[in-house]
Amino acid sequence: MRLALSSFWRAHRLPLALLLAIAGAILVAYFANSPKAEVEFDSQNPFGTPTYLGAARDMLHGHLFSVGRLPAYPLLLVLLGATQGFYWLVLAVQTLMFAAYAKEILTESLALTLVAALMASIASFVQRPHPSTPWIIAALATVTTFTRPEWIFLPLALGAYFALLAWRRPVTKQVAVHGIGAVVACYVVVGIYVAGNAVFNGFAGTSEINNIGLLGKAMQYDMQLEAPAPYHDPAVLVDNYVHILQLNVWHVVIENPAFSANHYELSGSVGRAAILADPLKYIQLSTELVLTRNADVDLPLLHVVSDGPFRLELVALAHYTVDRYAFYWLLPAFALWWALFPLLSRRKQPLDSLGPIAVLALYGTTIIGFAGFDEYGRYHTVFLPATNIVVWGTLLLNVVAARKPLLGLWSASLVTAEIAWVILLATVPSIQLALAVTLATLLLQGALFWFAFGRAEPTARSATT
C-alpha cells in the first residue's frame, strides 16, 4: 500500500500540490476572518460543545464512562489541552483534518478523519485481502462508533457487505476467520463500554442522547399524539411545543424536568411508543429524508464574520459550496449502484473498491435519515469523503465510459440529464421528483457503467496468504 501511495504521488504530484496550495489558502483566509474557536455556539443544539468539554474534564477526574458523550472526541480534547481553555492546538489539528467547521469544538472533525482512514483501509482490503487488514478496519470502525451513537452499526454493515463479497468471490479461510473475529472484537469493545455505563452510571447504553433522539424524531414527524394512552399527558405537552410554541425537542427536555430525569427515560419512552404506533409512517418519512437531505449545508457553522477580512470571498465560497452540494441529490442512486457493482460480477477490477466505500456512504445517509432530526448538513460532513468519491468519481467516470465504443453519446446525454435534474431538484425539491431521479439515474447510469466496466478483463490475481 505504501508503494502504491508513493507511485500515485509521483504520477500526480503537480495537481496534488496545487490542490494542497488552494486548500491551504482557503484555510488561511478562513482563520484570518475570525481566528478563534467557537466554544459556546450551537445553532440548534445547546448540548453541543459544552458537553464535549464537560466529558473531557470528567476524564481528567477518572470518569472514563459517560452517558452524555461518547469518549473518542473528549479524549482528543484532553490530549490537546482543551480542558484548560487552550484551543489553538485543537484548531490546528482539526484544520489538518478538514476545512469545513474547523472552528467548532465538535466531534465531526475526528469522525471525518476516521472515516477517510477507514475508506483507505477497505479499498486496500478489496484489492488485496490480507488477514491483518480486517483488524485495521475493525479498529478504525470501532473508534468511529465512539464518536457518534448512530455509527454503532457501521462495523456490522461493513462486515455483512464483505461477507456477501466473499460469497461472490471466495477468500482464504484465514482471511474469513480474521474478518469474523475482527467484527466480534468491535462489539466486545462496545459491550464493555455499555457494561461500564451500566455499572458506573446506571444506564445500559452508549449514550442517553439516543432517548432525546427518539422524541426528536416523533416531533419532527408530528407523531407525538400517536403514543398510546399511558403517554397521553406527556404527549399532549410535547404537542404544545410542536404546534403552539413551535420549539424543538431541546426545549422540551430543558424546560420539563420529567423529560430529562433518569437519563431522559420519559423522552425515549414517548418517542419510541409514538414511532412503534405507526412504524410505516416512520419508515416512509425517514426514507424521504434519505432521498432529499443529502444536499443540506449548515452555513451558520462556518462562522464568517461580517466585518472580518476576506468576507466577500468566503461568502462567495459558501455559495459555491451550496451549488456543489446540490449534486449530492444523486448520492443514493450512485451509491446503490456501486454497492451492487462488485456483487454482480465475479471478475476482480480496481473499481470494486468503490463497493464498500459506497456502502459507507449509504450507511451514513440512511442512519442519519432514520435517526437524526436536525442539523443534517453538519451530520453529513462525517461521511463527506465517501460522498465526494462516490458522486464526483461517478460523474468523472462518465468521461472514461465515453471513450468506449458506442457509449460516447449515451454518456454525454446522461451527464447532461443529471445536471438538469440536479438544477431542477435544487429549484423545486420534492420527494416524488427525487424518487424518480434516483430510479432513473440508478438504471441509466448503472446500465452505462455495466457496458463500460462490468465486462472488463479481470486484473491479475492479488497475492493472498
Protein backbone atom coordinates (compact mmCIF):
# COMPACT_ATOMS: atom_id res chain seq x y z
CA MET A 1 0.00 0.00 0.00
CA ARG A 2 2.88 2.34 0.81
CA LEU A 3 4.42 1.63 -2.61
CA ALA A 4 1.09 2.36 -4.31
CA LEU A 5 0.75 5.68 -2.50
CA SER A 6 4.32 6.61 -3.39
CA SER A 7 3.70 5.81 -7.06
CA PHE A 8 0.46 7.78 -7.02
CA TRP A 9 2.21 10.84 -5.57
CA ARG A 10 4.99 10.70 -8.17
CA ALA A 11 2.49 10.40 -11.00
CA HIS A 12 0.20 13.20 -9.78
CA ARG A 13 2.40 15.41 -7.62
CA LEU A 14 1.76 18.64 -9.54
CA PRO A 15 -2.08 18.59 -9.38
CA LEU A 16 -1.94 17.33 -5.78
CA ALA A 17 0.44 20.11 -4.82
CA LEU A 18 -1.88 22.63 -6.48
CA LEU A 19 -4.88 21.27 -4.56
CA LEU A 20 -2.95 21.45 -1.29
CA ALA A 21 -1.95 25.05 -2.03
CA ILE A 22 -5.56 26.03 -2.77
CA ALA A 23 -6.83 24.29 0.36
CA GLY A 24 -4.14 25.99 2.42
CA ALA A 25 -5.04 29.42 1.04
CA ILE A 26 -8.72 28.86 1.87
CA LEU A 27 -7.84 27.88 5.43
CA VAL A 28 -5.63 30.95 5.86
CA ALA A 29 -8.48 33.19 4.68
CA TYR A 30 -10.98 31.32 6.85
CA PHE A 31 -8.99 31.81 10.05
CA ALA A 32 -7.87 35.32 9.14
CA ASN A 33 -11.56 36.26 9.01
CA SER A 34 -12.12 35.03 12.58
CA PRO A 35 -9.13 33.38 14.30
CA LYS A 36 -10.85 31.87 17.33
CA ALA A 37 -12.54 28.69 18.46
CA GLU A 38 -16.33 28.66 18.68
CA VAL A 39 -16.89 27.17 22.10
CA GLU A 40 -20.42 28.14 23.12
CA PHE A 41 -22.13 28.32 19.73
CA ASP A 42 -24.51 25.65 18.51
CA SER A 43 -27.17 26.63 16.02
CA GLN A 44 -29.93 24.33 17.28
CA ASN A 45 -28.49 22.08 19.94
CA PRO A 46 -27.44 23.56 23.32
CA PHE A 47 -25.98 20.18 24.27
CA GLY A 48 -23.13 20.60 21.76
CA THR A 49 -19.68 21.97 22.52
CA PRO A 50 -20.07 22.45 26.31
CA THR A 51 -20.97 18.79 26.79
CA TYR A 52 -17.87 17.62 24.90
CA LEU A 53 -15.69 19.81 27.09
CA GLY A 54 -17.54 18.56 30.16
CA ALA A 55 -16.93 14.94 29.20
CA ALA A 56 -13.25 15.75 28.65
CA ARG A 57 -12.98 17.32 32.13
CA ASP A 58 -14.68 14.27 33.62
CA MET A 59 -12.00 12.09 32.02
CA LEU A 60 -9.32 14.06 33.83
CA HIS A 61 -11.05 13.10 37.09
CA GLY A 62 -11.07 9.41 36.20
CA HIS A 63 -14.61 9.14 34.83
CA LEU A 64 -13.96 7.14 31.67
CA PHE A 65 -17.60 6.17 31.09
CA SER A 66 -20.13 8.84 30.10
CA VAL A 67 -23.82 8.65 29.31
CA GLY A 68 -23.78 12.03 27.57
CA ARG A 69 -20.92 12.00 25.08
CA LEU A 70 -19.04 9.06 23.62
CA PRO A 71 -15.36 9.09 24.60
CA ALA A 72 -13.37 9.42 21.37
CA TYR A 73 -13.58 13.20 20.85
CA PRO A 74 -13.41 14.14 24.57
CA LEU A 75 -10.24 12.04 24.80
CA LEU A 76 -8.77 14.01 21.90
CA LEU A 77 -9.66 17.26 23.71
CA VAL A 78 -7.86 16.00 26.82
CA LEU A 79 -4.74 15.10 24.84
CA LEU A 80 -4.71 18.51 23.12
CA GLY A 81 -5.18 20.54 26.30
CA ALA A 82 -8.67 21.89 25.55
CA THR A 83 -9.84 21.30 29.12
CA GLN A 84 -7.52 24.10 30.23
CA GLY A 85 -9.05 26.55 27.76
CA PHE A 86 -6.19 26.11 25.26
CA TYR A 87 -7.97 25.66 21.93
CA TRP A 88 -5.33 26.62 19.39
CA LEU A 89 -3.85 23.12 19.27
CA VAL A 90 -7.35 21.69 18.78
CA LEU A 91 -7.97 24.12 15.93
CA ALA A 92 -4.62 23.26 14.35
CA VAL A 93 -5.33 19.54 14.43
CA GLN A 94 -8.90 19.99 13.17
CA THR A 95 -7.62 22.21 10.37
CA LEU A 96 -5.37 19.35 9.25
CA MET A 97 -8.39 17.06 9.43
CA PHE A 98 -10.77 19.15 7.31
CA ALA A 99 -11.60 22.78 6.47
CA ALA A 100 -15.38 22.90 6.95
CA TYR A 101 -16.46 23.74 10.50
CA ALA A 102 -12.84 23.58 11.72
CA LYS A 103 -13.51 26.27 14.34
CA GLU A 104 -16.20 24.21 16.05
CA ILE A 105 -15.28 22.14 19.09
CA LEU A 106 -17.40 19.26 17.82
CA THR A 107 -16.81 15.58 17.15
CA GLU A 108 -17.38 15.71 13.38
CA SER A 109 -13.75 16.64 12.69
CA LEU A 110 -12.41 13.48 14.30
CA ALA A 111 -15.17 11.30 12.84
CA LEU A 112 -14.48 12.57 9.31
CA THR A 113 -10.78 11.76 9.63
CA LEU A 114 -11.54 8.27 10.88
CA VAL A 115 -13.97 7.67 8.02
CA ALA A 116 -11.34 8.80 5.49
CA ALA A 117 -8.78 6.40 7.00
CA LEU A 118 -11.43 3.67 7.05
CA MET A 119 -12.08 4.21 3.34
CA ALA A 120 -8.40 3.76 2.52
CA SER A 121 -8.29 0.54 4.54
CA ILE A 122 -11.37 -1.04 3.00
CA ALA A 123 -10.30 -0.06 -0.53
CA SER A 124 -6.94 -1.73 0.10
CA PHE A 125 -8.63 -4.82 1.51
CA VAL A 126 -10.84 -5.25 -1.56
CA GLN A 127 -7.81 -5.29 -3.82
CA ARG A 128 -5.50 -7.27 -1.53
CA PRO A 129 -7.44 -9.22 1.14
CA HIS A 130 -4.66 -9.74 3.68
CA PRO A 131 -5.59 -11.32 7.05
CA SER A 132 -4.28 -8.36 9.05
CA THR A 133 -6.37 -5.74 7.23
CA PRO A 134 -9.71 -6.65 8.85
CA TRP A 135 -8.19 -5.75 12.22
CA ILE A 136 -7.16 -2.33 10.94
CA ILE A 137 -10.66 -1.82 9.55
CA ALA A 138 -12.17 -3.03 12.83
CA ALA A 139 -10.02 -0.69 14.90
CA LEU A 140 -10.97 2.34 12.79
CA ALA A 141 -14.65 1.37 12.70
CA THR A 142 -14.71 0.84 16.47
CA VAL A 143 -13.18 4.24 17.20
CA THR A 144 -15.68 5.75 14.75
CA THR A 145 -18.56 4.21 16.72
CA PHE A 146 -17.26 6.10 19.75
CA THR A 147 -17.62 9.49 18.03
CA ARG A 148 -21.40 9.50 17.47
CA PRO A 149 -24.08 6.99 18.60
CA GLU A 150 -25.52 6.45 15.11
CA TRP A 151 -22.31 4.84 13.88
CA ILE A 152 -22.67 1.87 16.21
CA PHE A 153 -23.97 -0.41 13.43
CA LEU A 154 -21.20 0.52 10.97
CA PRO A 155 -18.92 -2.47 11.74
CA LEU A 156 -21.90 -4.79 11.30
CA ALA A 157 -22.86 -3.17 7.98
CA LEU A 158 -19.32 -3.44 6.62
CA GLY A 159 -18.97 -6.99 7.92
CA ALA A 160 -22.21 -8.04 6.22
CA TYR A 161 -21.13 -6.46 2.94
CA PHE A 162 -17.72 -8.13 2.99
CA ALA A 163 -19.46 -11.44 3.76
CA LEU A 164 -21.58 -11.03 0.62
CA LEU A 165 -18.49 -10.11 -1.35
CA ALA A 166 -16.66 -13.18 -0.04
CA TRP A 167 -19.63 -15.32 -1.07
CA ARG A 168 -19.36 -13.98 -4.61
CA ARG A 169 -15.57 -14.08 -4.64
CA PRO A 170 -14.26 -16.60 -2.13
CA VAL A 171 -11.34 -15.62 0.06
CA THR A 172 -8.97 -17.81 2.01
CA LYS A 173 -10.17 -19.39 5.24
CA GLN A 174 -7.56 -17.40 7.15
CA VAL A 175 -8.94 -14.08 5.85
CA ALA A 176 -12.52 -15.15 6.64
CA VAL A 177 -11.65 -16.16 10.21
CA HIS A 178 -9.81 -12.91 10.86
CA GLY A 179 -12.71 -10.93 9.37
CA ILE A 180 -15.27 -12.59 11.64
CA GLY A 181 -13.00 -12.20 14.65
CA ALA A 182 -12.50 -8.51 13.91
CA VAL A 183 -16.25 -7.82 13.79
CA VAL A 184 -16.79 -9.72 17.03
CA ALA A 185 -13.96 -7.76 18.66
CA CYS A 186 -15.65 -4.49 17.67
CA TYR A 187 -18.79 -5.35 19.57
CA VAL A 188 -16.93 -6.82 22.52
CA VAL A 189 -15.39 -3.36 22.99
CA VAL A 190 -18.80 -1.69 22.59
CA GLY A 191 -20.29 -4.20 25.04
CA ILE A 192 -17.61 -3.39 27.61
CA TYR A 193 -18.44 0.30 27.32
CA VAL A 194 -22.18 -0.37 27.71
CA ALA A 195 -21.47 -2.55 30.74
CA GLY A 196 -19.27 0.18 32.22
CA ASN A 197 -22.06 2.72 31.79
CA ALA A 198 -24.49 0.33 33.46
CA VAL A 199 -22.21 -0.21 36.44
CA PHE A 200 -20.94 3.33 36.99
CA ASN A 201 -23.79 5.46 35.62
CA GLY A 202 -26.87 3.27 35.88
CA PHE A 203 -27.53 3.42 32.15
CA ALA A 204 -27.13 0.31 29.98
CA GLY A 205 -26.39 2.01 26.67
CA THR A 206 -23.83 4.02 24.76
CA SER A 207 -25.45 7.45 25.14
CA GLU A 208 -28.57 8.86 26.77
CA ILE A 209 -28.82 11.28 23.84
CA ASN A 210 -30.48 8.41 21.97
CA ASN A 211 -33.57 8.92 24.12
CA ILE A 212 -33.71 12.57 23.12
CA GLY A 213 -33.32 11.49 19.52
CA LEU A 214 -36.38 9.24 19.71
CA LEU A 215 -38.56 12.08 20.94
CA GLY A 216 -36.98 14.41 18.39
CA LYS A 217 -37.94 12.07 15.55
CA ALA A 218 -41.52 11.78 16.81
CA MET A 219 -41.78 15.58 16.98
CA GLN A 220 -40.20 16.02 13.56
CA TYR A 221 -42.84 13.74 12.01
CA ASP A 222 -45.66 15.17 14.17
CA MET A 223 -46.28 11.70 15.61
CA GLN A 224 -46.31 12.60 19.33
CA LEU A 225 -50.08 12.17 19.73
CA GLU A 226 -49.86 8.66 18.25
CA ALA A 227 -48.28 7.45 21.50
CA PRO A 228 -50.70 5.10 23.33
CA ALA A 229 -52.94 6.10 26.26
CA PRO A 230 -50.37 5.70 29.08
CA TYR A 231 -48.37 8.55 27.50
CA HIS A 232 -51.34 10.84 26.79
CA ASP A 233 -50.42 13.68 29.15
CA PRO A 234 -46.71 13.98 28.19
CA ALA A 235 -47.67 13.58 24.52
CA VAL A 236 -50.10 16.50 24.77
CA LEU A 237 -47.38 18.61 26.39
CA VAL A 238 -44.99 17.75 23.55
CA ASP A 239 -47.71 18.54 21.02
CA ASN A 240 -47.98 22.00 22.55
CA TYR A 241 -44.27 22.56 21.80
CA VAL A 242 -44.76 21.40 18.22
CA HIS A 243 -47.89 23.32 17.24
CA ILE A 244 -48.19 26.29 19.61
CA LEU A 245 -44.74 27.18 20.88
CA GLN A 246 -43.06 25.79 17.72
CA LEU A 247 -39.94 24.81 19.64
CA ASN A 248 -37.77 21.75 19.21
CA VAL A 249 -37.02 18.78 21.45
CA TRP A 250 -34.15 20.54 23.23
CA HIS A 251 -36.62 22.99 24.77
CA VAL A 252 -38.83 20.10 25.90
CA VAL A 253 -36.07 18.33 27.80
CA ILE A 254 -34.55 21.53 29.24
CA GLU A 255 -37.79 23.13 30.40
CA ASN A 256 -39.51 19.99 31.73
CA PRO A 257 -37.52 18.04 34.35
CA ALA A 258 -39.73 14.97 33.95
CA PHE A 259 -38.45 14.55 30.39
CA SER A 260 -34.80 14.75 31.44
CA ALA A 261 -35.00 12.60 34.58
CA ASN A 262 -33.33 9.20 34.71
CA HIS A 263 -31.31 9.67 31.52
CA TYR A 264 -34.25 11.14 29.57
CA GLU A 265 -36.23 7.96 30.08
CA LEU A 266 -39.64 9.57 29.56
CA SER A 267 -38.42 11.28 26.38
CA GLY A 268 -37.29 7.97 24.96
CA SER A 269 -40.43 6.16 26.05
CA VAL A 270 -42.81 8.69 24.46
CA GLY A 271 -40.81 8.87 21.26
CA ARG A 272 -40.43 5.11 20.97
CA ALA A 273 -44.11 4.46 21.69
CA ALA A 274 -45.21 7.03 19.08
CA ILE A 275 -42.93 5.56 16.42
CA LEU A 276 -43.98 1.97 17.14
CA ALA A 277 -47.63 3.01 16.94
CA ASP A 278 -47.16 3.76 13.23
CA PRO A 279 -43.85 2.28 12.02
CA LEU A 280 -44.80 2.51 8.34
CA LYS A 281 -45.19 6.29 8.62
CA TYR A 282 -41.82 6.49 10.33
CA ILE A 283 -40.17 4.39 7.60
CA GLN A 284 -41.81 6.39 4.81
CA LEU A 285 -40.85 9.80 6.20
CA SER A 286 -37.32 8.66 7.07
CA THR A 287 -36.83 7.28 3.56
CA GLU A 288 -37.90 10.66 2.20
CA LEU A 289 -35.13 12.27 4.28
CA VAL A 290 -32.60 9.80 2.90
CA LEU A 291 -33.52 10.91 -0.62
CA THR A 292 -33.93 14.64 -0.03
CA ARG A 293 -31.49 15.91 2.63
CA ASN A 294 -28.08 14.97 1.21
CA ALA A 295 -27.58 18.45 -0.27
CA ASP A 296 -28.02 20.30 3.04
CA VAL A 297 -25.30 22.79 4.05
CA ASP A 298 -25.16 24.13 7.62
CA LEU A 299 -23.85 27.58 6.71
CA PRO A 300 -24.07 29.14 10.22
CA LEU A 301 -21.40 26.72 11.42
CA LEU A 302 -18.89 28.29 9.02
CA HIS A 303 -18.72 31.44 11.21
CA VAL A 304 -17.82 34.03 8.58
CA VAL A 305 -17.56 37.36 10.43
CA SER A 306 -19.24 40.24 8.58
CA ASP A 307 -16.51 42.78 9.41
CA GLY A 308 -13.52 40.44 9.05
CA PRO A 309 -11.07 40.16 6.16
CA PHE A 310 -11.90 38.01 3.12
CA ARG A 311 -15.61 38.20 3.96
CA LEU A 312 -16.78 38.58 0.36
CA GLU A 313 -14.52 35.80 -0.87
CA LEU A 314 -15.64 33.42 1.89
CA VAL A 315 -19.32 34.21 1.32
CA ALA A 316 -18.84 33.54 -2.39
CA LEU A 317 -17.14 30.26 -1.48
CA ALA A 318 -20.11 29.36 0.73
CA HIS A 319 -22.48 29.96 -2.19
CA TYR A 320 -20.27 27.77 -4.36
CA THR A 321 -20.45 25.09 -1.66
CA VAL A 322 -24.25 25.18 -1.77
CA ASP A 323 -24.16 24.71 -5.55
CA ARG A 324 -21.63 21.90 -5.28
CA TYR A 325 -23.63 20.11 -2.60
CA ALA A 326 -26.66 20.17 -4.91
CA PHE A 327 -25.09 17.28 -6.82
CA TYR A 328 -25.42 15.14 -3.69
CA TRP A 329 -29.06 14.65 -4.66
CA LEU A 330 -27.54 11.92 -6.85
CA LEU A 331 -25.82 10.16 -3.94
CA PRO A 332 -28.45 7.45 -3.22
CA ALA A 333 -28.53 6.27 -6.85
CA PHE A 334 -24.76 6.36 -7.36
CA ALA A 335 -24.01 4.70 -4.01
CA LEU A 336 -26.53 1.93 -4.53
CA TRP A 337 -25.09 1.16 -7.95
CA TRP A 338 -21.50 0.97 -6.76
CA ALA A 339 -22.50 -1.15 -3.75
CA LEU A 340 -24.03 -3.64 -6.19
CA PHE A 341 -21.27 -3.46 -8.80
CA PRO A 342 -18.72 -5.87 -7.21
CA LEU A 343 -21.54 -8.27 -6.30
CA LEU A 344 -22.82 -8.50 -9.89
CA SER A 345 -19.55 -9.68 -11.37
CA ARG A 346 -17.05 -12.31 -10.28
CA ARG A 347 -14.27 -10.52 -12.14
CA LYS A 348 -11.93 -8.53 -9.97
CA GLN A 349 -11.01 -4.99 -11.02
CA PRO A 350 -9.90 -1.71 -9.37
CA LEU A 351 -13.41 -0.21 -9.44
CA ASP A 352 -14.50 -2.89 -6.96
CA SER A 353 -13.05 -0.69 -4.21
CA LEU A 354 -15.96 1.69 -4.72
CA GLY A 355 -18.32 -1.01 -3.40
CA PRO A 356 -17.60 -0.79 0.33
CA ILE A 357 -16.98 2.96 0.06
CA ALA A 358 -20.49 3.28 -1.38
CA VAL A 359 -21.82 1.13 1.47
CA LEU A 360 -20.21 3.54 3.93
CA ALA A 361 -21.92 6.49 2.21
CA LEU A 362 -25.25 4.63 2.09
CA TYR A 363 -24.96 3.76 5.76
CA GLY A 364 -24.27 7.39 6.66
CA THR A 365 -27.15 8.90 4.73
CA THR A 366 -29.57 6.14 5.81
CA ILE A 367 -28.77 6.13 9.51
CA ILE A 368 -28.90 9.93 9.69
CA GLY A 369 -32.21 9.98 7.83
CA PHE A 370 -33.70 7.43 10.23
CA ALA A 371 -32.10 8.69 13.45
CA GLY A 372 -31.32 12.41 13.01
CA PHE A 373 -33.91 15.14 13.37
CA ASP A 374 -31.95 18.36 12.73
CA GLU A 375 -28.59 19.74 11.54
CA TYR A 376 -28.35 17.35 8.59
CA GLY A 377 -25.67 19.45 6.92
CA ARG A 378 -23.45 19.07 9.97
CA TYR A 379 -24.01 15.33 10.42
CA HIS A 380 -23.40 14.61 6.74
CA THR A 381 -19.89 16.09 6.95
CA VAL A 382 -18.74 12.91 8.69
CA PHE A 383 -19.03 10.80 5.54
CA LEU A 384 -18.18 13.57 3.05
CA PRO A 385 -15.02 11.70 1.90
CA ALA A 386 -17.19 8.78 0.80
CA THR A 387 -19.83 11.08 -0.67
CA ASN A 388 -17.26 13.00 -2.71
CA ILE A 389 -15.65 9.88 -4.12
CA VAL A 390 -18.98 8.29 -4.99
CA VAL A 391 -20.65 11.36 -6.53
CA TRP A 392 -17.75 13.14 -8.24
CA GLY A 393 -15.99 9.88 -9.04
CA THR A 394 -19.11 8.63 -10.81
CA LEU A 395 -19.56 11.83 -12.81
CA LEU A 396 -15.90 11.81 -13.88
CA LEU A 397 -16.01 8.12 -14.79
CA ASN A 398 -18.55 9.06 -17.44
CA VAL A 399 -15.64 10.66 -19.29
CA VAL A 400 -13.84 7.31 -19.26
CA ALA A 401 -17.01 5.49 -20.30
CA ALA A 402 -17.48 7.92 -23.19
CA ARG A 403 -14.25 6.66 -24.73
CA LYS A 404 -15.66 3.17 -25.06
CA PRO A 405 -17.11 2.19 -28.46
CA LEU A 406 -20.72 3.37 -28.99
CA LEU A 407 -21.02 4.86 -25.47
CA GLY A 408 -19.93 8.47 -26.10
CA LEU A 409 -23.34 9.91 -26.95
CA TRP A 410 -25.02 7.90 -24.17
CA SER A 411 -22.54 9.15 -21.58
CA ALA A 412 -22.75 12.80 -22.67
CA SER A 413 -26.55 12.74 -22.79
CA LEU A 414 -26.78 11.11 -19.35
CA VAL A 415 -24.44 13.60 -17.67
CA THR A 416 -26.37 16.46 -19.24
CA ALA A 417 -29.62 14.98 -17.94
CA GLU A 418 -28.15 14.52 -14.46
CA ILE A 419 -27.04 18.15 -14.34
CA ALA A 420 -30.52 19.22 -15.42
CA TRP A 421 -32.11 17.01 -12.76
CA VAL A 422 -29.86 18.48 -10.07
CA ILE A 423 -30.79 22.02 -11.06
CA LEU A 424 -34.48 21.10 -11.05
CA LEU A 425 -34.27 19.42 -7.63
CA ALA A 426 -32.36 22.35 -6.16
CA THR A 427 -35.01 24.72 -7.51
CA VAL A 428 -38.21 22.80 -6.77
CA PRO A 429 -37.31 19.98 -4.36
CA SER A 430 -39.88 17.23 -3.89
CA ILE A 431 -39.84 13.62 -2.80
CA GLN A 432 -41.67 12.48 -5.94
CA LEU A 433 -39.07 14.11 -8.19
CA ALA A 434 -36.21 12.87 -6.01
CA LEU A 435 -37.52 9.30 -6.18
CA ALA A 436 -37.97 9.49 -9.95
CA VAL A 437 -34.46 10.91 -10.43
CA THR A 438 -32.96 8.28 -8.13
CA LEU A 439 -34.57 5.40 -10.01
CA ALA A 440 -33.80 6.83 -13.46
CA THR A 441 -30.19 7.56 -12.52
CA LEU A 442 -29.71 4.12 -10.98
CA LEU A 443 -30.99 2.35 -14.09
CA LEU A 444 -29.39 4.53 -16.77
CA GLN A 445 -26.05 5.12 -15.05
CA GLY A 446 -25.88 1.52 -13.93
CA ALA A 447 -26.54 0.20 -17.44
CA LEU A 448 -23.93 2.54 -18.94
CA PHE A 449 -21.26 1.53 -16.45
CA TRP A 450 -22.08 -2.15 -16.81
CA PHE A 451 -21.41 -1.97 -20.55
CA ALA A 452 -18.34 0.20 -19.98
CA PHE A 453 -16.73 -1.51 -16.99
CA GLY A 454 -18.74 -4.54 -15.90
CA ARG A 455 -17.37 -6.77 -18.62
CA ALA A 456 -13.77 -5.62 -18.25
CA GLU A 457 -10.97 -8.11 -18.43
CA PRO A 458 -10.04 -9.43 -14.98
CA THR A 459 -6.94 -7.99 -13.40
CA ALA A 460 -4.05 -10.08 -12.25
CA ARG A 461 -5.00 -12.00 -9.15
CA SER A 462 -3.72 -10.40 -6.00
CA ALA A 463 -1.45 -12.43 -3.82
CA THR A 464 -3.19 -13.80 -0.77
CA THR A 465 -1.96 -15.70 2.21
